[in-house]
Amino acid sequence: MYAMIDFGGNQLKVVPGEKVSVYNLDKKEGELVENKNVLLFADGDNVMVGKPYLNDVTVKLEVVKNYKGKKVIVFKKRRRKTSKVKNGFRQSFTQLKVLEIVK
């Protein structure tokens, strides 16, 4: 059994018991999140596709941890000028555990 969900502008394939990472949510560890934006639900040979979402399927998720990803260096240089800029950026993520897919 799995589902495809729309979460924060990204499409994710989720399976019960699996952990997924999404862009930062303003939730604390241990909080429950419910997602009703289910695009596809598959259980064996039974496949349901939404137009665009399925109304009767929800995915229950639990916040495991909040963390930051790897640092990305942004370096800009204009040739023949004394203009250089170096910046670093770390994206914040939230790791979620899929508890169940409710039909």
PDB file of N, CA and C in Angstrom:
ATOM      1  N   MET A   1       0.848  -1.167   0.000  1.00  0.00           N
ATOM      2  CA  MET A   1       0.000   0.000   0.000  1.00  0.00           C
ATOM      3  C   MET A   1       0.900   1.238   0.000  1.00  0.00           C
ATOM      4  N   TYR A   2       0.594   2.191  -0.880  1.00  0.00           N
ATOM      5  CA  TYR A   2       1.319   3.450  -0.908  1.00  0.00           C
ATOM      6  C   TYR A   2       0.410   4.542  -1.433  1.00  0.00           C
ATOM      7  N   ALA A   3       0.870   5.777  -1.281  1.00  0.00           N
ATOM      8  CA  ALA A   3       0.105   6.930  -1.760  1.00  0.00           C
ATOM      9  C   ALA A   3       1.081   7.978  -2.276  1.00  0.00           C
ATOM     10  N   MET A   4       0.622   8.763  -3.225  1.00  0.00           N
ATOM     11  CA  MET A   4       1.361   9.928  -3.708  1.00  0.00           C
ATOM     12  C   MET A   4       0.658  11.155  -3.141  1.00  0.00           C
ATOM     13  N   ILE A   5       1.399  12.001  -2.423  1.00  0.00           N
ATOM     14  CA  ILE A   5       0.788  13.176  -1.810  1.00  0.00           C
ATOM     15  C   ILE A   5       1.465  14.447  -2.319  1.00  0.00           C
ATOM     16  N   ASP A   6       0.730  15.534  -2.242  1.00  0.00           N
ATOM     17  CA  ASP A   6       1.257  16.859  -2.565  1.00  0.00           C
ATOM     18  C   ASP A   6       1.526  17.547  -1.232  1.00  0.00           C
ATOM     19  N   PHE A   7       2.817  17.806  -0.949  1.00  0.00           N
ATOM     20  CA  PHE A   7       3.190  18.375   0.341  1.00  0.00           C
ATOM     21  C   PHE A   7       4.150  19.521   0.115  1.00  0.00           C
ATOM     22  N   GLY A   8       3.678  20.737   0.318  1.00  0.00           N
ATOM     23  CA  GLY A   8       4.530  21.909   0.183  1.00  0.00           C
ATOM     24  C   GLY A   8       5.039  22.137  -1.226  1.00  0.00           C
ATOM     25  N   GLY A   9       4.237  21.802  -2.228  1.00  0.00           N
ATOM     26  CA  GLY A   9       4.643  21.982  -3.611  1.00  0.00           C
ATOM     27  C   GLY A   9       5.440  20.829  -4.178  1.00  0.00           C
ATOM     28  N   ASN A  10       5.734  19.818  -3.375  1.00  0.00           N
ATOM     29  CA  ASN A  10       6.463  18.630  -3.837  1.00  0.00           C
ATOM     30  C   ASN A  10       5.543  17.421  -3.815  1.00  0.00           C
ATOM     31  N   GLN A  11       5.750  16.513  -4.763  1.00  0.00           N
ATOM     32  CA  GLN A  11       4.989  15.275  -4.786  1.00  0.00           C
ATOM     33  C   GLN A  11       5.851  14.177  -4.179  1.00  0.00           C
ATOM     34  N   LEU A  12       5.312  13.480  -3.182  1.00  0.00           N
ATOM     35  CA  LEU A  12       6.061  12.458  -2.461  1.00  0.00           C
ATOM     36  C   LEU A  12       5.323  11.134  -2.503  1.00  0.00           C
ATOM     37  N   LYS A  13       6.079  10.058  -2.635  1.00  0.00           N
ATOM     38  CA  LYS A  13       5.512   8.716  -2.509  1.00  0.00           C
ATOM     39  C   LYS A  13       5.721   8.287  -1.061  1.00  0.00           C
ATOM     40  N   VAL A  14       4.621   7.952  -0.375  1.00  0.00           N
ATOM     41  CA  VAL A  14       4.706   7.584   1.036  1.00  0.00           C
ATOM     42  C   VAL A  14       4.182   6.172   1.247  1.00  0.00           C
ATOM     43  N   VAL A  15       4.864   5.459   2.131  1.00  0.00           N
ATOM     44  CA  VAL A  15       4.513   4.097   2.520  1.00  0.00           C
ATOM     45  C   VAL A  15       4.434   4.094   4.048  1.00  0.00           C
ATOM     46  N   PRO A  16       3.438   3.435   4.651  1.00  0.00           N
ATOM     47  CA  PRO A  16       3.352   3.422   6.115  1.00  0.00           C
ATOM     48  C   PRO A  16       4.636   2.889   6.749  1.00  0.00           C
ATOM     49  N   GLY A  17       5.106   3.610   7.780  1.00  0.00           N
ATOM     50  CA  GLY A  17       6.329   3.240   8.476  1.00  0.00           C
ATOM     51  C   GLY A  17       7.586   3.880   7.907  1.00  0.00           C
ATOM     52  N   GLU A  18       7.483   4.540   6.770  1.00  0.00           N
ATOM     53  CA  GLU A  18       8.631   5.153   6.109  1.00  0.00           C
ATOM     54  C   GLU A  18       8.810   6.592   6.590  1.00  0.00           C
ATOM     55  N   LYS A  19      10.051   7.097   6.509  1.00  0.00           N
ATOM     56  CA  LYS A  19      10.335   8.477   6.875  1.00  0.00           C
ATOM     57  C   LYS A  19      10.592   9.287   5.612  1.00  0.00           C
ATOM     58  N   VAL A  20      10.038  10.504   5.565  1.00  0.00           N
ATOM     59  CA  VAL A  20      10.231  11.404   4.427  1.00  0.00           C
ATOM     60  C   VAL A  20      10.659  12.763   4.957  1.00  0.00           C
ATOM     61  N   SER A  21      11.407  13.503   4.132  1.00  0.00           N
ATOM     62  CA  SER A  21      11.845  14.848   4.492  1.00  0.00           C
ATOM     63  C   SER A  21      11.139  15.857   3.606  1.00  0.00           C
ATOM     64  N   VAL A  22      10.641  16.932   4.236  1.00  0.00           N
ATOM     65  CA  VAL A  22       9.979  18.017   3.521  1.00  0.00           C
ATOM     66  C   VAL A  22      10.608  19.324   3.976  1.00  0.00           C
ATOM     67  N   TYR A  23      10.326  20.409   3.230  1.00  0.00           N
ATOM     68  CA  TYR A  23      10.816  21.713   3.648  1.00  0.00           C
ATOM     69  C   TYR A  23      10.229  22.061   5.004  1.00  0.00           C
ATOM     70  N   ASN A  24      10.862  22.968   5.692  1.00  0.00           N
ATOM     71  CA  ASN A  24      10.583  23.261   7.090  1.00  0.00           C
ATOM     72  C   ASN A  24       9.107  23.524   7.389  1.00  0.00           C
ATOM     73  N   LEU A  25       8.596  22.839   8.411  1.00  0.00           N
ATOM     74  CA  LEU A  25       7.254  23.068   8.946  1.00  0.00           C
ATOM     75  C   LEU A  25       7.403  23.706  10.323  1.00  0.00           C
ATOM     76  N   ASP A  26       6.454  24.523  10.699  1.00  0.00           N
ATOM     77  CA  ASP A  26       6.485  25.136  12.030  1.00  0.00           C
ATOM     78  C   ASP A  26       5.798  24.221  13.034  1.00  0.00           C
ATOM     79  N   LYS A  27       6.322  23.021  13.173  1.00  0.00           N
ATOM     80  CA  LYS A  27       5.775  22.030  14.103  1.00  0.00           C
ATOM     81  C   LYS A  27       6.896  21.533  15.002  1.00  0.00           C
ATOM     82  N   LYS A  28       6.543  21.128  16.211  1.00  0.00           N
ATOM     83  CA  LYS A  28       7.526  20.587  17.143  1.00  0.00           C
ATOM     84  C   LYS A  28       7.577  19.074  17.013  1.00  0.00           C
ATOM     85  N   GLU A  29       8.655  18.491  17.530  1.00  0.00           N
ATOM     86  CA  GLU A  29       8.824  17.040  17.467  1.00  0.00           C
ATOM     87  C   GLU A  29       7.698  16.352  18.231  1.00  0.00           C
ATOM     88  N   GLY A  30       7.140  15.312  17.632  1.00  0.00           N
ATOM     89  CA  GLY A  30       6.062  14.555  18.252  1.00  0.00           C
ATOM     90  C   GLY A  30       4.670  14.998  17.830  1.00  0.00           C
ATOM     91  N   GLU A  31       4.550  16.139  17.183  1.00  0.00           N
ATOM     92  CA  GLU A  31       3.235  16.606  16.737  1.00  0.00           C
ATOM     93  C   GLU A  31       2.748  15.791  15.544  1.00  0.00           C
ATOM     94  N   LEU A  32       1.429  15.688  15.419  1.00  0.00           N
ATOM     95  CA  LEU A  32       0.828  14.963  14.311  1.00  0.00           C
ATOM     96  C   LEU A  32       0.414  15.934  13.214  1.00  0.00           C
ATOM     97  N   VAL A  33       0.605  15.509  11.964  1.00  0.00           N
ATOM     98  CA  VAL A  33       0.237  16.293  10.797  1.00  0.00           C
ATOM     99  C   VAL A  33      -0.665  15.412   9.939  1.00  0.00           C
ATOM    100  N   GLU A  34      -1.742  15.997   9.419  1.00  0.00           N
ATOM    101  CA  GLU A  34      -2.652  15.246   8.557  1.00  0.00           C
ATOM    102  C   GLU A  34      -2.658  15.899   7.180  1.00  0.00           C
ATOM    103  N   ASN A  35      -2.466  15.100   6.142  1.00  0.00           N
ATOM    104  CA  ASN A  35      -2.423  15.615   4.774  1.00  0.00           C
ATOM    105  C   ASN A  35      -3.595  15.027   3.993  1.00  0.00           C
ATOM    106  N   LYS A  36      -4.427  15.909   3.455  1.00  0.00           N
ATOM    107  CA  LYS A  36      -5.585  15.469   2.668  1.00  0.00           C
ATOM    108  C   LYS A  36      -5.359  15.638   1.171  1.00  0.00           C
ATOM    109  N   ASN A  37      -4.172  16.125   0.778  1.00  0.00           N
ATOM    110  CA  ASN A  37      -3.857  16.331  -0.641  1.00  0.00           C
ATOM    111  C   ASN A  37      -3.261  15.052  -1.227  1.00  0.00           C
ATOM    112  N   VAL A  38      -4.073  14.020  -1.348  1.00  0.00           N
ATOM    113  CA  VAL A  38      -3.629  12.730  -1.870  1.00  0.00           C
ATOM    114  C   VAL A  38      -3.933  12.683  -3.364  1.00  0.00           C
ATOM    115  N   LEU A  39      -2.886  12.488  -4.158  1.00  0.00           N
ATOM    116  CA  LEU A  39      -3.035  12.449  -5.613  1.00  0.00           C
ATOM    117  C   LEU A  39      -3.363  11.052  -6.115  1.00  0.00           C
ATOM    118  N   LEU A  40      -2.773  10.021  -5.477  1.00  0.00           N
ATOM    119  CA  LEU A  40      -2.943   8.637  -5.929  1.00  0.00           C
ATOM    120  C   LEU A  40      -2.888   7.721  -4.725  1.00  0.00           C
ATOM    121  N   PHE A  41      -3.705   6.687  -4.740  1.00  0.00           N
ATOM    122  CA  PHE A  41      -3.704   5.674  -3.682  1.00  0.00           C
ATOM    123  C   PHE A  41      -3.699   4.300  -4.336  1.00  0.00           C
ATOM    124  N   ALA A  42      -2.763   3.453  -3.924  1.00  0.00           N
ATOM    125  CA  ALA A  42      -2.663   2.107  -4.495  1.00  0.00           C
ATOM    126  C   ALA A  42      -2.590   1.089  -3.371  1.00  0.00           C
ATOM    127  N   ASP A  43      -3.439   0.052  -3.472  1.00  0.00           N
ATOM    128  CA  ASP A  43      -3.451  -1.053  -2.519  1.00  0.00           C
ATOM    129  C   ASP A  43      -3.573  -2.341  -3.327  1.00  0.00           C
ATOM    130  N   GLY A  44      -2.430  -2.925  -3.646  1.00  0.00           N
ATOM    131  CA  GLY A  44      -2.435  -4.115  -4.489  1.00  0.00           C
ATOM    132  C   GLY A  44      -2.810  -3.748  -5.912  1.00  0.00           C
ATOM    133  N   ASP A  45      -3.856  -4.398  -6.442  1.00  0.00           N
ATOM    134  CA  ASP A  45      -4.317  -4.096  -7.799  1.00  0.00           C
ATOM    135  C   ASP A  45      -5.308  -2.945  -7.832  1.00  0.00           C
ATOM    136  N   ASN A  46      -5.775  -2.503  -6.666  1.00  0.00           N
ATOM    137  CA  ASN A  46      -6.740  -1.405  -6.578  1.00  0.00           C
ATOM    138  C   ASN A  46      -5.974  -0.072  -6.605  1.00  0.00           C
ATOM    139  N   VAL A  47      -6.119   0.690  -7.685  1.00  0.00           N
ATOM    140  CA  VAL A  47      -5.448   1.987  -7.828  1.00  0.00           C
ATOM    141  C   VAL A  47      -6.511   3.055  -8.037  1.00  0.00           C
ATOM    142  N   MET A  48      -6.446   4.111  -7.195  1.00  0.00           N
ATOM    143  CA  MET A  48      -7.375   5.228  -7.306  1.00  0.00           C
ATOM    144  C   MET A  48      -6.571   6.485  -7.623  1.00  0.00           C
ATOM    145  N   VAL A  49      -7.003   7.222  -8.649  1.00  0.00           N
ATOM    146  CA  VAL A  49      -6.327   8.443  -9.062  1.00  0.00           C
ATOM    147  C   VAL A  49      -7.286   9.605  -8.862  1.00  0.00           C
ATOM    148  N   GLY A  50      -6.809  10.681  -8.225  1.00  0.00           N
ATOM    149  CA  GLY A  50      -7.647  11.851  -7.973  1.00  0.00           C
ATOM    150  C   GLY A  50      -7.650  12.827  -9.123  1.00  0.00           C
ATOM    151  N   LYS A  51      -8.630  13.721  -9.109  1.00  0.00           N
ATOM    152  CA  LYS A  51      -8.757  14.751 -10.147  1.00  0.00           C
ATOM    153  C   LYS A  51      -8.957  16.103  -9.481  1.00  0.00           C
ATOM    154  N   PRO A  52      -8.035  16.800  -8.939  1.00  0.00           N
ATOM    155  CA  PRO A  52      -6.635  16.440  -8.731  1.00  0.00           C
ATOM    156  C   PRO A  52      -6.406  15.659  -7.446  1.00  0.00           C
ATOM    157  N   TYR A  53      -7.335  15.747  -6.463  1.00  0.00           N
ATOM    158  CA  TYR A  53      -7.135  15.057  -5.186  1.00  0.00           C
ATOM    159  C   TYR A  53      -8.248  14.056  -4.928  1.00  0.00           C
ATOM    160  N   LEU A  54      -7.940  13.062  -4.082  1.00  0.00           N
ATOM    161  CA  LEU A  54      -8.938  12.096  -3.626  1.00  0.00           C
ATOM    162  C   LEU A  54      -9.591  12.657  -2.368  1.00  0.00           C
ATOM    163  N   ASN A  55     -10.912  12.611  -2.305  1.00  0.00           N
ATOM    164  CA  ASN A  55     -11.625  13.199  -1.173  1.00  0.00           C
ATOM    165  C   ASN A  55     -11.637  12.309   0.063  1.00  0.00           C
ATOM    166  N   ASP A  56     -11.616  10.995  -0.113  1.00  0.00           N
ATOM    167  CA  ASP A  56     -11.825  10.087   1.020  1.00  0.00           C
ATOM    168  C   ASP A  56     -10.544   9.431   1.527  1.00  0.00           C
ATOM    169  N   VAL A  57      -9.380   9.930   1.152  1.00  0.00           N
ATOM    170  CA  VAL A  57      -8.118   9.349   1.598  1.00  0.00           C
ATOM    171  C   VAL A  57      -7.285  10.428   2.285  1.00  0.00           C
ATOM    172  N   THR A  58      -6.765  10.114   3.484  1.00  0.00           N
ATOM    173  CA  THR A  58      -5.885  11.029   4.197  1.00  0.00           C
ATOM    174  C   THR A  58      -4.637  10.279   4.653  1.00  0.00           C
ATOM    175  N   VAL A  59      -3.565  11.021   4.849  1.00  0.00           N
ATOM    176  CA  VAL A  59      -2.303  10.444   5.318  1.00  0.00           C
ATOM    177  C   VAL A  59      -1.961  11.093   6.647  1.00  0.00           C
ATOM    178  N   LYS A  60      -1.706  10.269   7.666  1.00  0.00           N
ATOM    179  CA  LYS A  60      -1.343  10.772   8.988  1.00  0.00           C
ATOM    180  C   LYS A  60       0.162  10.638   9.165  1.00  0.00           C
ATOM    181  N   LEU A  61       0.795  11.772   9.551  1.00  0.00           N
ATOM    182  CA  LEU A  61       2.241  11.839   9.685  1.00  0.00           C
ATOM    183  C   LEU A  61       2.606  12.354  11.075  1.00  0.00           C
ATOM    184  N   GLU A  62       3.797  11.992  11.540  1.00  0.00           N
ATOM    185  CA  GLU A  62       4.298  12.464  12.832  1.00  0.00           C
ATOM    186  C   GLU A  62       5.645  13.129  12.609  1.00  0.00           C
ATOM    187  N   VAL A  63       5.863  14.281  13.246  1.00  0.00           N
ATOM    188  CA  VAL A  63       7.136  14.994  13.125  1.00  0.00           C
ATOM    189  C   VAL A  63       8.189  14.259  13.947  1.00  0.00           C
ATOM    190  N   VAL A  64       9.276  13.837  13.281  1.00  0.00           N
ATOM    191  CA  VAL A  64      10.365  13.133  13.962  1.00  0.00           C
ATOM    192  C   VAL A  64      11.416  14.122  14.433  1.00  0.00           C
ATOM    193  N   LYS A  65      11.890  14.986  13.509  1.00  0.00           N
ATOM    194  CA  LYS A  65      12.895  15.980  13.893  1.00  0.00           C
ATOM    195  C   LYS A  65      12.941  17.111  12.874  1.00  0.00           C
ATOM    196  N   ASN A  66      13.485  18.234  13.317  1.00  0.00           N
ATOM    197  CA  ASN A  66      13.764  19.378  12.461  1.00  0.00           C
ATOM    198  C   ASN A  66      15.278  19.477  12.340  1.00  0.00           C
ATOM    199  N   TYR A  67      15.777  19.675  11.136  1.00  0.00           N
ATOM    200  CA  TYR A  67      17.219  19.740  10.932  1.00  0.00           C
ATOM    201  C   TYR A  67      17.541  20.619   9.739  1.00  0.00           C
ATOM    202  N   LYS A  68      18.846  20.893   9.570  1.00  0.00           N
ATOM    203  CA  LYS A  68      19.312  21.687   8.433  1.00  0.00           C
ATOM    204  C   LYS A  68      20.096  20.791   7.497  1.00  0.00           C
ATOM    205  N   GLY A  69      19.979  21.073   6.195  1.00  0.00           N
ATOM    206  CA  GLY A  69      20.685  20.304   5.180  1.00  0.00           C
ATOM    207  C   GLY A  69      22.124  20.774   5.031  1.00  0.00           C
ATOM    208  N   LYS A  70      22.788  20.268   3.994  1.00  0.00           N
ATOM    209  CA  LYS A  70      24.167  20.649   3.722  1.00  0.00           C
ATOM    210  C   LYS A  70      24.249  22.112   3.318  1.00  0.00           C
ATOM    211  N   LYS A  71      25.398  22.723   3.583  1.00  0.00           N
ATOM    212  CA  LYS A  71      25.609  24.117   3.213  1.00  0.00           C
ATOM    213  C   LYS A  71      25.886  24.224   1.712  1.00  0.00           C
ATOM    214  N   VAL A  72      25.230  25.177   1.076  1.00  0.00           N
ATOM    215  CA  VAL A  72      25.429  25.459  -0.335  1.00  0.00           C
ATOM    216  C   VAL A  72      26.140  26.809  -0.419  1.00  0.00           C
ATOM    217  N   ILE A  73      27.252  26.844  -1.129  1.00  0.00           N
ATOM    218  CA  ILE A  73      28.013  28.077  -1.288  1.00  0.00           C
ATOM    219  C   ILE A  73      27.561  28.782  -2.568  1.00  0.00           C
ATOM    220  N   VAL A  74      27.225  30.064  -2.449  1.00  0.00           N
ATOM    221  CA  VAL A  74      26.831  30.885  -3.590  1.00  0.00           C
ATOM    222  C   VAL A  74      27.938  31.911  -3.793  1.00  0.00           C
ATOM    223  N   PHE A  75      28.633  31.824  -4.927  1.00  0.00           N
ATOM    224  CA  PHE A  75      29.758  32.714  -5.205  1.00  0.00           C
ATOM    225  C   PHE A  75      29.500  33.444  -6.513  1.00  0.00           C
ATOM    226  N   LYS A  76      29.545  34.779  -6.459  1.00  0.00           N
ATOM    227  CA  LYS A  76      29.329  35.598  -7.653  1.00  0.00           C
ATOM    228  C   LYS A  76      30.567  36.448  -7.881  1.00  0.00           C
ATOM    229  N   LYS A  77      31.049  36.458  -9.117  1.00  0.00           N
ATOM    230  CA  LYS A  77      32.222  37.256  -9.467  1.00  0.00           C
ATOM    231  C   LYS A  77      31.989  37.870 -10.835  1.00  0.00           C
ATOM    232  N   ARG A  78      32.296  39.154 -10.926  1.00  0.00           N
ATOM    233  CA  ARG A  78      32.210  39.839 -12.205  1.00  0.00           C
ATOM    234  C   ARG A  78      33.625  40.050 -12.713  1.00  0.00           C
ATOM    235  N   ARG A  79      33.914  39.585 -13.906  1.00  0.00           N
ATOM    236  CA  ARG A  79      35.279  39.644 -14.410  1.00  0.00           C
ATOM    237  C   ARG A  79      35.719  41.083 -14.670  1.00  0.00           C
ATOM    238  N   ARG A  80      37.001  41.285 -14.504  1.00  0.00           N
ATOM    239  CA  ARG A  80      37.660  42.575 -14.701  1.00  0.00           C
ATOM    240  C   ARG A  80      37.112  43.677 -13.792  1.00  0.00           C
ATOM    241  N   LYS A  81      36.484  43.300 -12.729  1.00  0.00           N
ATOM    242  CA  LYS A  81      36.017  44.268 -11.740  1.00  0.00           C
ATOM    243  C   LYS A  81      36.405  43.733 -10.369  1.00  0.00           C
ATOM    244  N   THR A  82      36.371  44.564  -9.400  1.00  0.00           N
ATOM    245  CA  THR A  82      36.707  44.110  -8.048  1.00  0.00           C
ATOM    246  C   THR A  82      35.421  43.802  -7.288  1.00  0.00           C
ATOM    247  N   SER A  83      34.556  43.016  -7.905  1.00  0.00           N
ATOM    248  CA  SER A  83      33.265  42.687  -7.310  1.00  0.00           C
ATOM    249  C   SER A  83      33.180  41.178  -7.108  1.00  0.00           C
ATOM    250  N   LYS A  84      33.228  40.766  -5.845  1.00  0.00           N
ATOM    251  CA  LYS A  84      33.067  39.356  -5.498  1.00  0.00           C
ATOM    252  C   LYS A  84      32.130  39.265  -4.299  1.00  0.00           C
ATOM    253  N   VAL A  85      31.219  38.295  -4.326  1.00  0.00           N
ATOM    254  CA  VAL A  85      30.314  38.070  -3.213  1.00  0.00           C
ATOM    255  C   VAL A  85      30.274  36.572  -2.937  1.00  0.00           C
ATOM    256  N   LYS A  86      30.480  36.204  -1.683  1.00  0.00           N
ATOM    257  CA  LYS A  86      30.408  34.790  -1.291  1.00  0.00           C
ATOM    258  C   LYS A  86      29.402  34.673  -0.156  1.00  0.00           C
ATOM    259  N   ASN A  87      28.379  33.860  -0.368  1.00  0.00           N
ATOM    260  CA  ASN A  87      27.341  33.625   0.634  1.00  0.00           C
ATOM    261  C   ASN A  87      27.154  32.127   0.829  1.00  0.00           C
ATOM    262  N   GLY A  88      26.701  31.753   2.007  1.00  0.00           N
ATOM    263  CA  GLY A  88      26.357  30.366   2.291  1.00  0.00           C
ATOM    264  C   GLY A  88      24.889  30.267   2.658  1.00  0.00           C
ATOM    265  N   PHE A  89      24.296  29.100   2.405  1.00  0.00           N
ATOM    266  CA  PHE A  89      22.877  28.905   2.685  1.00  0.00           C
ATOM    267  C   PHE A  89      22.661  27.472   3.133  1.00  0.00           C
ATOM    268  N   ARG A  90      21.860  27.285   4.181  1.00  0.00           N
ATOM    269  CA  ARG A  90      21.471  25.948   4.639  1.00  0.00           C
ATOM    270  C   ARG A  90      19.952  25.889   4.726  1.00  0.00           C
ATOM    271  N   GLN A  91      19.362  24.980   3.950  1.00  0.00           N
ATOM    272  CA  GLN A  91      17.909  24.812   3.926  1.00  0.00           C
ATOM    273  C   GLN A  91      17.457  24.057   5.169  1.00  0.00           C
ATOM    274  N   SER A  92      16.375  24.506   5.780  1.00  0.00           N
ATOM    275  CA  SER A  92      15.797  23.818   6.928  1.00  0.00           C
ATOM    276  C   SER A  92      14.815  22.755   6.439  1.00  0.00           C
ATOM    277  N   PHE A  93      14.867  21.584   7.061  1.00  0.00           N
ATOM    278  CA  PHE A  93      13.996  20.474   6.709  1.00  0.00           C
ATOM    279  C   PHE A  93      13.282  19.954   7.943  1.00  0.00           C
ATOM    280  N   THR A  94      12.189  19.239   7.712  1.00  0.00           N
ATOM    281  CA  THR A  94      11.474  18.522   8.760  1.00  0.00           C
ATOM    282  C   THR A  94      11.331  17.076   8.313  1.00  0.00           C
ATOM    283  N   GLN A  95      11.734  16.155   9.189  1.00  0.00           N
ATOM    284  CA  GLN A  95      11.598  14.738   8.872  1.00  0.00           C
ATOM    285  C   GLN A  95      10.292  14.230   9.470  1.00  0.00           C
ATOM    286  N   LEU A  96       9.487  13.567   8.632  1.00  0.00           N
ATOM    287  CA  LEU A  96       8.180  13.058   9.037  1.00  0.00           C
ATOM    288  C   LEU A  96       8.147  11.548   8.914  1.00  0.00           C
ATOM    289  N   LYS A  97       7.452  10.898   9.844  1.00  0.00           N
ATOM    290  CA  LYS A  97       7.231   9.453   9.765  1.00  0.00           C
ATOM    291  C   LYS A  97       5.776   9.221   9.394  1.00  0.00           C
ATOM    292  N   VAL A  98       5.554   8.372   8.393  1.00  0.00           N
ATOM    293  CA  VAL A  98       4.195   8.074   7.936  1.00  0.00           C
ATOM    294  C   VAL A  98       3.594   7.048   8.894  1.00  0.00           C
ATOM    295  N   LEU A  99       2.541   7.444   9.597  1.00  0.00           N
ATOM    296  CA  LEU A  99       1.905   6.539  10.547  1.00  0.00           C
ATOM    297  C   LEU A  99       0.922   5.604   9.842  1.00  0.00           C
ATOM    298  N   GLU A 100       0.011   6.189   9.070  1.00  0.00           N
ATOM    299  CA  GLU A 100      -0.962   5.362   8.358  1.00  0.00           C
ATOM    300  C   GLU A 100      -1.597   6.130   7.218  1.00  0.00           C
ATOM    301  N   ILE A 101      -2.153   5.372   6.295  1.00  0.00           N
ATOM    302  CA  ILE A 101      -2.919   5.933   5.186  1.00  0.00           C
ATOM    303  C   ILE A 101      -4.356   5.486   5.402  1.00  0.00           C
ATOM    304  N   VAL A 102      -5.243   6.439   5.660  1.00  0.00           N
ATOM    305  CA  VAL A 102      -6.630   6.132   5.998  1.00  0.00           C
ATOM    306  C   VAL A 102      -7.502   6.309   4.781  1.00  0.00           C
ATOM    307  N   LYS A 103      -8.233   5.255   4.434  1.00  0.00           N
ATOM    308  CA  LYS A 103      -9.145   5.300   3.283  1.00  0.00           C
ATOM    309  C   LYS A 103     -10.570   5.405   3.788  1.00  0.00           C
TER     310      LYS A 103
END
